[in-house]
Amino acid sequence: ILLAFAGIPLTSGFTSKFAVFGAAVDDGQIWLVIAGVVTSMI
């Protein structure tokens, strides 16, 4: 469960983050994606 929260591949956490970040990239919201990736690592 914790690995899913962290967004590790093969869990729903990775798929869902990839989906929202991909939609943001398509919409030109790159700055939000960068913030999301950095905070996910923290």
All heavy atoms as atom14 arrays in JSON, in Angstrom:
{
  "sequence": "ILLAFAGIPLTSGFTSKFAVFGAAVDDGQIWLVIAGVVTSMI",
  "atom14_mask": [
    [1, 1, 1, 1, 1, 1, 1, 1, 0, 0, 0, 0, 0, 0],
    [1, 1, 1, 1, 1, 1, 1, 1, 0, 0, 0, 0, 0, 0],
    [1, 1, 1, 1, 1, 1, 1, 1, 0, 0, 0, 0, 0, 0],
    [1, 1, 1, 1, 1, 0, 0, 0, 0, 0, 0, 0, 0, 0],
    [1, 1, 1, 1, 1, 1, 1, 1, 1, 1, 1, 0, 0, 0],
    [1, 1, 1, 1, 1, 0, 0, 0, 0, 0, 0, 0, 0, 0],
    [1, 1, 1, 1, 0, 0, 0, 0, 0, 0, 0, 0, 0, 0],
    [1, 1, 1, 1, 1, 1, 1, 1, 0, 0, 0, 0, 0, 0],
    [1, 1, 1, 1, 1, 1, 1, 0, 0, 0, 0, 0, 0, 0],
    [1, 1, 1, 1, 1, 1, 1, 1, 0, 0, 0, 0, 0, 0],
    [1, 1, 1, 1, 1, 1, 1, 0, 0, 0, 0, 0, 0, 0],
    [1, 1, 1, 1, 1, 1, 0, 0, 0, 0, 0, 0, 0, 0],
    [1, 1, 1, 1, 0, 0, 0, 0, 0, 0, 0, 0, 0, 0],
    [1, 1, 1, 1, 1, 1, 1, 1, 1, 1, 1, 0, 0, 0],
    [1, 1, 1, 1, 1, 1, 1, 0, 0, 0, 0, 0, 0, 0],
    [1, 1, 1, 1, 1, 1, 0, 0, 0, 0, 0, 0, 0, 0],
    [1, 1, 1, 1, 1, 1, 1, 1, 1, 0, 0, 0, 0, 0],
    [1, 1, 1, 1, 1, 1, 1, 1, 1, 1, 1, 0, 0, 0],
    [1, 1, 1, 1, 1, 0, 0, 0, 0, 0, 0, 0, 0, 0],
    [1, 1, 1, 1, 1, 1, 1, 0, 0, 0, 0, 0, 0, 0],
    [1, 1, 1, 1, 1, 1, 1, 1, 1, 1, 1, 0, 0, 0],
    [1, 1, 1, 1, 0, 0, 0, 0, 0, 0, 0, 0, 0, 0],
    [1, 1, 1, 1, 1, 0, 0, 0, 0, 0, 0, 0, 0, 0],
    [1, 1, 1, 1, 1, 0, 0, 0, 0, 0, 0, 0, 0, 0],
    [1, 1, 1, 1, 1, 1, 1, 0, 0, 0, 0, 0, 0, 0],
    [1, 1, 1, 1, 1, 1, 1, 1, 0, 0, 0, 0, 0, 0],
    [1, 1, 1, 1, 1, 1, 1, 1, 0, 0, 0, 0, 0, 0],
    [1, 1, 1, 1, 0, 0, 0, 0, 0, 0, 0, 0, 0, 0],
    [1, 1, 1, 1, 1, 1, 1, 1, 1, 0, 0, 0, 0, 0],
    [1, 1, 1, 1, 1, 1, 1, 1, 0, 0, 0, 0, 0, 0],
    [1, 1, 1, 1, 1, 1, 1, 1, 1, 1, 1, 1, 1, 1],
    [1, 1, 1, 1, 1, 1, 1, 1, 0, 0, 0, 0, 0, 0],
    [1, 1, 1, 1, 1, 1, 1, 0, 0, 0, 0, 0, 0, 0],
    [1, 1, 1, 1, 1, 1, 1, 1, 0, 0, 0, 0, 0, 0],
    [1, 1, 1, 1, 1, 0, 0, 0, 0, 0, 0, 0, 0, 0],
    [1, 1, 1, 1, 0, 0, 0, 0, 0, 0, 0, 0, 0, 0],
    [1, 1, 1, 1, 1, 1, 1, 0, 0, 0, 0, 0, 0, 0],
    [1, 1, 1, 1, 1, 1, 1, 0, 0, 0, 0, 0, 0, 0],
    [1, 1, 1, 1, 1, 1, 1, 0, 0, 0, 0, 0, 0, 0],
    [1, 1, 1, 1, 1, 1, 0, 0, 0, 0, 0, 0, 0, 0],
    [1, 1, 1, 1, 1, 1, 1, 1, 0, 0, 0, 0, 0, 0],
    [1, 1, 1, 1, 1, 1, 1, 1, 0, 0, 0, 0, 0, 0]
  ],
  "atom14_positions": [
    [[0.84, -1.2, 0.0], [0.0, 0.0, 0.0], [0.87, 1.25, 0.0], [0.61, 2.22, -0.74], [-0.94, -0.03, 1.22], [-2.01, -1.11, 1.05], [-1.59, 1.33, 1.45], [-2.81, -1.38, 2.29], [0.0, 0.0, 0.0], [0.0, 0.0, 0.0], [0.0, 0.0, 0.0], [0.0, 0.0, 0.0], [0.0, 0.0, 0.0], [0.0, 0.0, 0.0]],
    [[1.92, 1.27, 0.82], [2.81, 2.44, 0.87], [3.54, 2.65, -0.45], [3.75, 3.79, -0.88], [3.81, 2.29, 2.02], [3.22, 2.36, 3.43], [4.3, 2.07, 4.47], [2.59, 3.73, 3.7], [0.0, 0.0, 0.0], [0.0, 0.0, 0.0], [0.0, 0.0, 0.0], [0.0, 0.0, 0.0], [0.0, 0.0, 0.0], [0.0, 0.0, 0.0]],
    [[3.93, 1.55, -1.1], [4.57, 1.68, -2.41], [3.6, 2.25, -3.44], [3.99, 3.01, -4.33], [5.1, 0.32, -2.87], [6.25, -0.27, -2.04], [6.64, -1.64, -2.58], [7.45, 0.66, -2.03], [0.0, 0.0, 0.0], [0.0, 0.0, 0.0], [0.0, 0.0, 0.0], [0.0, 0.0, 0.0], [0.0, 0.0, 0.0], [0.0, 0.0, 0.0]],
    [[2.31, 1.91, -3.3], [1.31, 2.49, -4.19], [1.17, 3.99, -3.94], [1.07, 4.79, -4.88], [-0.03, 1.79, -4.01], [0.0, 0.0, 0.0], [0.0, 0.0, 0.0], [0.0, 0.0, 0.0], [0.0, 0.0, 0.0], [0.0, 0.0, 0.0], [0.0, 0.0, 0.0], [0.0, 0.0, 0.0], [0.0, 0.0, 0.0], [0.0, 0.0, 0.0]],
    [[1.17, 4.37, -2.67], [1.14, 5.81, -2.35], [2.34, 6.53, -2.95], [2.22, 7.67, -3.42], [1.14, 6.02, -0.83], [-0.2, 5.87, -0.17], [-0.35, 5.1, 0.96], [-1.32, 6.52, -0.67], [-1.58, 4.96, 1.59], [-2.56, 6.39, -0.06], [-2.69, 5.6, 1.07], [0.0, 0.0, 0.0], [0.0, 0.0, 0.0], [0.0, 0.0, 0.0]],
    [[3.49, 5.87, -2.93], [4.71, 6.5, -3.45], [4.74, 6.55, -4.97], [5.59, 7.23, -5.55], [5.93, 5.74, -2.94], [0.0, 0.0, 0.0], [0.0, 0.0, 0.0], [0.0, 0.0, 0.0], [0.0, 0.0, 0.0], [0.0, 0.0, 0.0], [0.0, 0.0, 0.0], [0.0, 0.0, 0.0], [0.0, 0.0, 0.0], [0.0, 0.0, 0.0]],
    [[3.83, 5.83, -5.64], [3.78, 5.86, -7.1], [4.76, 4.93, -7.77], [5.26, 5.21, -8.87], [0.0, 0.0, 0.0], [0.0, 0.0, 0.0], [0.0, 0.0, 0.0], [0.0, 0.0, 0.0], [0.0, 0.0, 0.0], [0.0, 0.0, 0.0], [0.0, 0.0, 0.0], [0.0, 0.0, 0.0], [0.0, 0.0, 0.0], [0.0, 0.0, 0.0]],
    [[5.05, 3.8, -7.12], [5.96, 2.81, -7.69], [5.25, 2.08, -8.84], [4.06, 1.78, -8.75], [6.4, 1.8, -6.61], [7.11, 2.54, -5.48], [7.33, 0.75, -7.2], [8.33, 3.33, -5.88], [0.0, 0.0, 0.0], [0.0, 0.0, 0.0], [0.0, 0.0, 0.0], [0.0, 0.0, 0.0], [0.0, 0.0, 0.0], [0.0, 0.0, 0.0]],
    [[5.95, 1.81, -9.96], [5.3, 1.1, -11.08], [4.66, -0.22, -10.65], [5.05, -0.83, -9.67], [6.46, 0.89, -12.06], [7.39, 2.02, -11.78], [7.32, 2.25, -10.3], [0.0, 0.0, 0.0], [0.0, 0.0, 0.0], [0.0, 0.0, 0.0], [0.0, 0.0, 0.0], [0.0, 0.0, 0.0], [0.0, 0.0, 0.0], [0.0, 0.0, 0.0]],
    [[3.66, -0.64, -11.44], [2.84, -1.82, -11.21], [1.87, -1.65, -10.04], [1.33, -2.62, -9.52], [3.69, -3.08, -10.99], [4.64, -3.44, -12.14], [5.38, -4.73, -11.82], [3.89, -3.56, -13.45], [0.0, 0.0, 0.0], [0.0, 0.0, 0.0], [0.0, 0.0, 0.0], [0.0, 0.0, 0.0], [0.0, 0.0, 0.0], [0.0, 0.0, 0.0]],
    [[1.67, -0.41, -9.62], [0.62, -0.1, -8.65], [-0.27, 0.98, -9.23], [0.1, 1.7, -10.18], [1.2, 0.4, -7.31], [1.83, 1.67, -7.51], [2.21, -0.59, -6.75], [0.0, 0.0, 0.0], [0.0, 0.0, 0.0], [0.0, 0.0, 0.0], [0.0, 0.0, 0.0], [0.0, 0.0, 0.0], [0.0, 0.0, 0.0], [0.0, 0.0, 0.0]],
    [[-1.46, 1.13, -8.65], [-2.39, 2.15, -9.15], [-1.86, 3.56, -8.92], [-2.22, 4.49, -9.65], [-3.74, 2.0, -8.45], [-3.62, 2.18, -7.05], [0.0, 0.0, 0.0], [0.0, 0.0, 0.0], [0.0, 0.0, 0.0], [0.0, 0.0, 0.0], [0.0, 0.0, 0.0], [0.0, 0.0, 0.0], [0.0, 0.0, 0.0], [0.0, 0.0, 0.0]],
    [[-0.99, 3.73, -7.91], [-0.43, 5.06, -7.66], [0.39, 5.57, -8.83], [0.3, 6.75, -9.19], [0.0, 0.0, 0.0], [0.0, 0.0, 0.0], [0.0, 0.0, 0.0], [0.0, 0.0, 0.0], [0.0, 0.0, 0.0], [0.0, 0.0, 0.0], [0.0, 0.0, 0.0], [0.0, 0.0, 0.0], [0.0, 0.0, 0.0], [0.0, 0.0, 0.0]],
    [[1.19, 4.68, -9.44], [1.98, 5.08, -10.6], [1.07, 5.42, -11.79], [1.25, 6.45, -12.45], [2.94, 3.96, -10.98], [3.69, 4.2, -12.25], [4.79, 5.03, -12.28], [3.28, 3.62, -13.44], [5.48, 5.28, -13.46], [3.95, 3.85, -14.63], [5.06, 4.68, -14.64], [0.0, 0.0, 0.0], [0.0, 0.0, 0.0], [0.0, 0.0, 0.0]],
    [[0.09, 4.56, -12.05], [-0.78, 4.77, -13.2], [-1.57, 6.06, -13.08], [-1.7, 6.82, -14.05], [-1.76, 3.59, -13.34], [-1.03, 2.37, -13.28], [-2.51, 3.65, -14.65], [0.0, 0.0, 0.0], [0.0, 0.0, 0.0], [0.0, 0.0, 0.0], [0.0, 0.0, 0.0], [0.0, 0.0, 0.0], [0.0, 0.0, 0.0], [0.0, 0.0, 0.0]],
    [[-2.08, 6.35, -11.89], [-2.9, 7.54, -11.71], [-2.06, 8.81, -11.81], [-2.48, 9.8, -12.43], [-3.64, 7.48, -10.37], [-2.75, 7.24, -9.3], [0.0, 0.0, 0.0], [0.0, 0.0, 0.0], [0.0, 0.0, 0.0], [0.0, 0.0, 0.0], [0.0, 0.0, 0.0], [0.0, 0.0, 0.0], [0.0, 0.0, 0.0], [0.0, 0.0, 0.0]],
    [[-0.88, 8.8, -11.22], [-0.01, 9.98, -11.35], [0.41, 10.2, -12.8], [0.44, 11.34, -13.3], [1.22, 9.83, -10.45], [0.97, 10.08, -8.97], [2.28, 10.08, -8.2], [2.07, 10.46, -6.74], [1.3, 9.46, -6.0], [0.0, 0.0, 0.0], [0.0, 0.0, 0.0], [0.0, 0.0, 0.0], [0.0, 0.0, 0.0], [0.0, 0.0, 0.0]],
    [[0.74, 9.11, -13.47], [1.12, 9.22, -14.88], [-0.03, 9.81, -15.7], [0.19, 10.63, -16.6], [1.5, 7.83, -15.41], [2.07, 7.84, -16.81], [3.41, 8.05, -17.02], [1.24, 7.66, -17.91], [3.95, 8.08, -18.31], [1.75, 7.68, -19.19], [3.11, 7.88, -19.39], [0.0, 0.0, 0.0], [0.0, 0.0, 0.0], [0.0, 0.0, 0.0]],
    [[-1.26, 9.43, -15.37], [-2.41, 9.92, -16.12], [-2.61, 11.41, -15.93], [-2.79, 12.17, -16.9], [-3.67, 9.15, -15.7], [0.0, 0.0, 0.0], [0.0, 0.0, 0.0], [0.0, 0.0, 0.0], [0.0, 0.0, 0.0], [0.0, 0.0, 0.0], [0.0, 0.0, 0.0], [0.0, 0.0, 0.0], [0.0, 0.0, 0.0], [0.0, 0.0, 0.0]],
    [[-2.6, 11.89, -14.66], [-2.86, 13.32, -14.44], [-1.69, 14.16, -14.93], [-1.89, 15.25, -15.49], [-3.16, 13.62, -12.96], [-4.46, 12.99, -12.53], [-2.03, 13.21, -12.04], [0.0, 0.0, 0.0], [0.0, 0.0, 0.0], [0.0, 0.0, 0.0], [0.0, 0.0, 0.0], [0.0, 0.0, 0.0], [0.0, 0.0, 0.0], [0.0, 0.0, 0.0]],
    [[-0.45, 13.68, -14.75], [0.69, 14.45, -15.24], [0.71, 14.47, -16.76], [1.06, 15.5, -17.38], [2.0, 13.87, -14.7], [2.18, 14.04, -13.21], [3.12, 13.3, -12.52], [1.42, 14.95, -12.5], [3.3, 13.47, -11.15], [1.59, 15.13, -11.13], [2.53, 14.38, -10.46], [0.0, 0.0, 0.0], [0.0, 0.0, 0.0], [0.0, 0.0, 0.0]],
    [[0.33, 13.37, -17.41], [0.26, 13.36, -18.86], [-0.77, 14.34, -19.39], [-0.53, 15.05, -20.38], [0.0, 0.0, 0.0], [0.0, 0.0, 0.0], [0.0, 0.0, 0.0], [0.0, 0.0, 0.0], [0.0, 0.0, 0.0], [0.0, 0.0, 0.0], [0.0, 0.0, 0.0], [0.0, 0.0, 0.0], [0.0, 0.0, 0.0], [0.0, 0.0, 0.0]],
    [[-1.94, 14.41, -18.74], [-2.96, 15.37, -19.16], [-2.47, 16.8, -18.98], [-2.74, 17.67, -19.81], [-4.24, 15.14, -18.36], [0.0, 0.0, 0.0], [0.0, 0.0, 0.0], [0.0, 0.0, 0.0], [0.0, 0.0, 0.0], [0.0, 0.0, 0.0], [0.0, 0.0, 0.0], [0.0, 0.0, 0.0], [0.0, 0.0, 0.0], [0.0, 0.0, 0.0]],
    [[-1.72, 17.05, -17.88], [-1.2, 18.39, -17.65], [-0.17, 18.78, -18.7], [-0.12, 19.93, -19.16], [-0.6, 18.48, -16.25], [0.0, 0.0, 0.0], [0.0, 0.0, 0.0], [0.0, 0.0, 0.0], [0.0, 0.0, 0.0], [0.0, 0.0, 0.0], [0.0, 0.0, 0.0], [0.0, 0.0, 0.0], [0.0, 0.0, 0.0], [0.0, 0.0, 0.0]],
    [[0.69, 17.84, -19.09], [1.68, 18.11, -20.14], [0.97, 18.44, -21.45], [1.34, 19.39, -22.16], [2.62, 16.9, -20.31], [3.47, 17.07, -21.57], [3.51, 16.75, -19.09], [0.0, 0.0, 0.0], [0.0, 0.0, 0.0], [0.0, 0.0, 0.0], [0.0, 0.0, 0.0], [0.0, 0.0, 0.0], [0.0, 0.0, 0.0], [0.0, 0.0, 0.0]],
    [[-0.05, 17.67, -21.79], [-0.8, 17.94, -23.02], [-1.46, 19.31, -23.0], [-1.63, 19.94, -24.05], [-1.87, 16.87, -23.23], [-1.27, 15.5, -23.52], [-0.1, 15.45, -23.93], [-1.98, 14.48, -23.33], [0.0, 0.0, 0.0], [0.0, 0.0, 0.0], [0.0, 0.0, 0.0], [0.0, 0.0, 0.0], [0.0, 0.0, 0.0], [0.0, 0.0, 0.0]],
    [[-1.81, 19.78, -21.8], [-2.47, 21.08, -21.66], [-1.48, 22.22, -21.47], [-1.88, 23.37, -21.28], [-3.45, 21.03, -20.48], [-4.52, 22.1, -20.57], [-5.13, 22.24, -21.65], [-4.74, 22.81, -19.56], [0.0, 0.0, 0.0], [0.0, 0.0, 0.0], [0.0, 0.0, 0.0], [0.0, 0.0, 0.0], [0.0, 0.0, 0.0], [0.0, 0.0, 0.0]],
    [[-0.18, 21.91, -21.47], [0.84, 22.95, -21.34], [1.16, 23.36, -19.92], [1.87, 24.35, -19.71], [0.0, 0.0, 0.0], [0.0, 0.0, 0.0], [0.0, 0.0, 0.0], [0.0, 0.0, 0.0], [0.0, 0.0, 0.0], [0.0, 0.0, 0.0], [0.0, 0.0, 0.0], [0.0, 0.0, 0.0], [0.0, 0.0, 0.0], [0.0, 0.0, 0.0]],
    [[0.68, 22.6, -18.92], [0.93, 22.96, -17.52], [2.21, 22.27, -17.02], [2.19, 21.52, -16.05], [-0.27, 22.56, -16.65], [-1.6, 23.09, -17.12], [-1.73, 24.58, -16.87], [-0.92, 25.19, -16.17], [-2.76, 25.19, -17.43], [0.0, 0.0, 0.0], [0.0, 0.0, 0.0], [0.0, 0.0, 0.0], [0.0, 0.0, 0.0], [0.0, 0.0, 0.0]],
    [[3.33, 22.56, -17.67], [4.58, 21.88, -17.35], [5.03, 22.19, -15.93], [5.56, 21.32, -15.22], [5.68, 22.26, -18.36], [5.21, 22.01, -19.81], [6.97, 21.49, -18.07], [4.92, 20.57, -20.12], [0.0, 0.0, 0.0], [0.0, 0.0, 0.0], [0.0, 0.0, 0.0], [0.0, 0.0, 0.0], [0.0, 0.0, 0.0], [0.0, 0.0, 0.0]],
    [[4.81, 23.42, -15.48], [5.28, 23.82, -14.15], [4.59, 23.02, -13.05], [5.2, 22.69, -12.03], [5.08, 25.32, -13.95], [3.64, 25.78, -13.99], [2.82, 25.77, -15.06], [2.9, 26.32, -12.9], [1.58, 26.27, -14.72], [1.59, 26.63, -13.4], [3.18, 26.61, -11.57], [0.59, 27.19, -12.62], [2.18, 27.18, -10.78], [0.91, 27.45, -11.3]],
    [[3.33, 22.66, -13.26], [2.63, 21.84, -12.28], [3.19, 20.42, -12.26], [3.29, 19.8, -11.2], [1.13, 21.81, -12.6], [0.38, 23.13, -12.44], [-1.09, 22.96, -12.84], [0.47, 23.64, -11.01], [0.0, 0.0, 0.0], [0.0, 0.0, 0.0], [0.0, 0.0, 0.0], [0.0, 0.0, 0.0], [0.0, 0.0, 0.0], [0.0, 0.0, 0.0]],
    [[3.55, 19.91, -13.42], [4.11, 18.56, -13.49], [5.45, 18.5, -12.78], [5.75, 17.55, -12.04], [4.24, 18.11, -14.96], [4.92, 16.74, -15.03], [2.88, 18.06, -15.63], [0.0, 0.0, 0.0], [0.0, 0.0, 0.0], [0.0, 0.0, 0.0], [0.0, 0.0, 0.0], [0.0, 0.0, 0.0], [0.0, 0.0, 0.0], [0.0, 0.0, 0.0]],
    [[6.3, 19.52, -12.99], [7.6, 19.56, -12.33], [7.42, 19.56, -10.81], [8.09, 18.81, -10.07], [8.41, 20.79, -12.79], [8.77, 20.65, -14.28], [9.66, 20.97, -11.94], [9.41, 21.89, -14.87], [0.0, 0.0, 0.0], [0.0, 0.0, 0.0], [0.0, 0.0, 0.0], [0.0, 0.0, 0.0], [0.0, 0.0, 0.0], [0.0, 0.0, 0.0]],
    [[6.49, 20.41, -10.33], [6.22, 20.45, -8.89], [5.71, 19.1, -8.4], [6.09, 18.64, -7.31], [5.2, 21.55, -8.58], [0.0, 0.0, 0.0], [0.0, 0.0, 0.0], [0.0, 0.0, 0.0], [0.0, 0.0, 0.0], [0.0, 0.0, 0.0], [0.0, 0.0, 0.0], [0.0, 0.0, 0.0], [0.0, 0.0, 0.0], [0.0, 0.0, 0.0]],
    [[4.87, 18.45, -9.2], [4.35, 17.15, -8.8], [5.42, 16.08, -8.7], [5.44, 15.28, -7.76], [0.0, 0.0, 0.0], [0.0, 0.0, 0.0], [0.0, 0.0, 0.0], [0.0, 0.0, 0.0], [0.0, 0.0, 0.0], [0.0, 0.0, 0.0], [0.0, 0.0, 0.0], [0.0, 0.0, 0.0], [0.0, 0.0, 0.0], [0.0, 0.0, 0.0]],
    [[6.34, 16.05, -9.64], [7.41, 15.05, -9.63], [8.35, 15.28, -8.45], [8.73, 14.33, -7.74], [8.19, 15.08, -10.96], [9.42, 14.2, -10.88], [7.28, 14.66, -12.12], [0.0, 0.0, 0.0], [0.0, 0.0, 0.0], [0.0, 0.0, 0.0], [0.0, 0.0, 0.0], [0.0, 0.0, 0.0], [0.0, 0.0, 0.0], [0.0, 0.0, 0.0]],
    [[8.7, 16.53, -8.21], [9.62, 16.84, -7.1], [8.99, 16.47, -5.76], [9.63, 15.82, -4.9], [10.01, 18.33, -7.13], [10.78, 18.72, -5.87], [10.84, 18.64, -8.37], [0.0, 0.0, 0.0], [0.0, 0.0, 0.0], [0.0, 0.0, 0.0], [0.0, 0.0, 0.0], [0.0, 0.0, 0.0], [0.0, 0.0, 0.0], [0.0, 0.0, 0.0]],
    [[7.75, 16.85, -5.55], [7.1, 16.55, -4.27], [6.83, 15.05, -4.12], [6.83, 14.54, -3.0], [5.78, 17.33, -4.13], [4.94, 17.08, -5.28], [6.06, 18.83, -4.03], [0.0, 0.0, 0.0], [0.0, 0.0, 0.0], [0.0, 0.0, 0.0], [0.0, 0.0, 0.0], [0.0, 0.0, 0.0], [0.0, 0.0, 0.0], [0.0, 0.0, 0.0]],
    [[6.63, 14.35, -5.22], [6.46, 12.9, -5.13], [7.74, 12.24, -4.61], [7.67, 11.28, -3.83], [6.1, 12.31, -6.5], [4.83, 12.75, -6.94], [0.0, 0.0, 0.0], [0.0, 0.0, 0.0], [0.0, 0.0, 0.0], [0.0, 0.0, 0.0], [0.0, 0.0, 0.0], [0.0, 0.0, 0.0], [0.0, 0.0, 0.0], [0.0, 0.0, 0.0]],
    [[8.89, 12.76, -5.03], [10.15, 12.21, -4.53], [10.31, 12.51, -3.04], [10.78, 11.66, -2.28], [11.32, 12.8, -5.33], [11.38, 12.3, -6.77], [12.88, 12.8, -7.64], [12.6, 14.57, -7.79], [0.0, 0.0, 0.0], [0.0, 0.0, 0.0], [0.0, 0.0, 0.0], [0.0, 0.0, 0.0], [0.0, 0.0, 0.0], [0.0, 0.0, 0.0]],
    [[9.92, 13.71, -2.61], [10.0, 14.03, -1.18], [9.05, 13.13, -0.39], [9.41, 12.6, 0.67], [9.63, 15.52, -0.95], [10.63, 16.43, -1.65], [9.57, 15.83, 0.55], [10.24, 17.9, -1.62], [0.0, 0.0, 0.0], [0.0, 0.0, 0.0], [0.0, 0.0, 0.0], [0.0, 0.0, 0.0], [0.0, 0.0, 0.0], [0.0, 0.0, 0.0]]
  ]
}
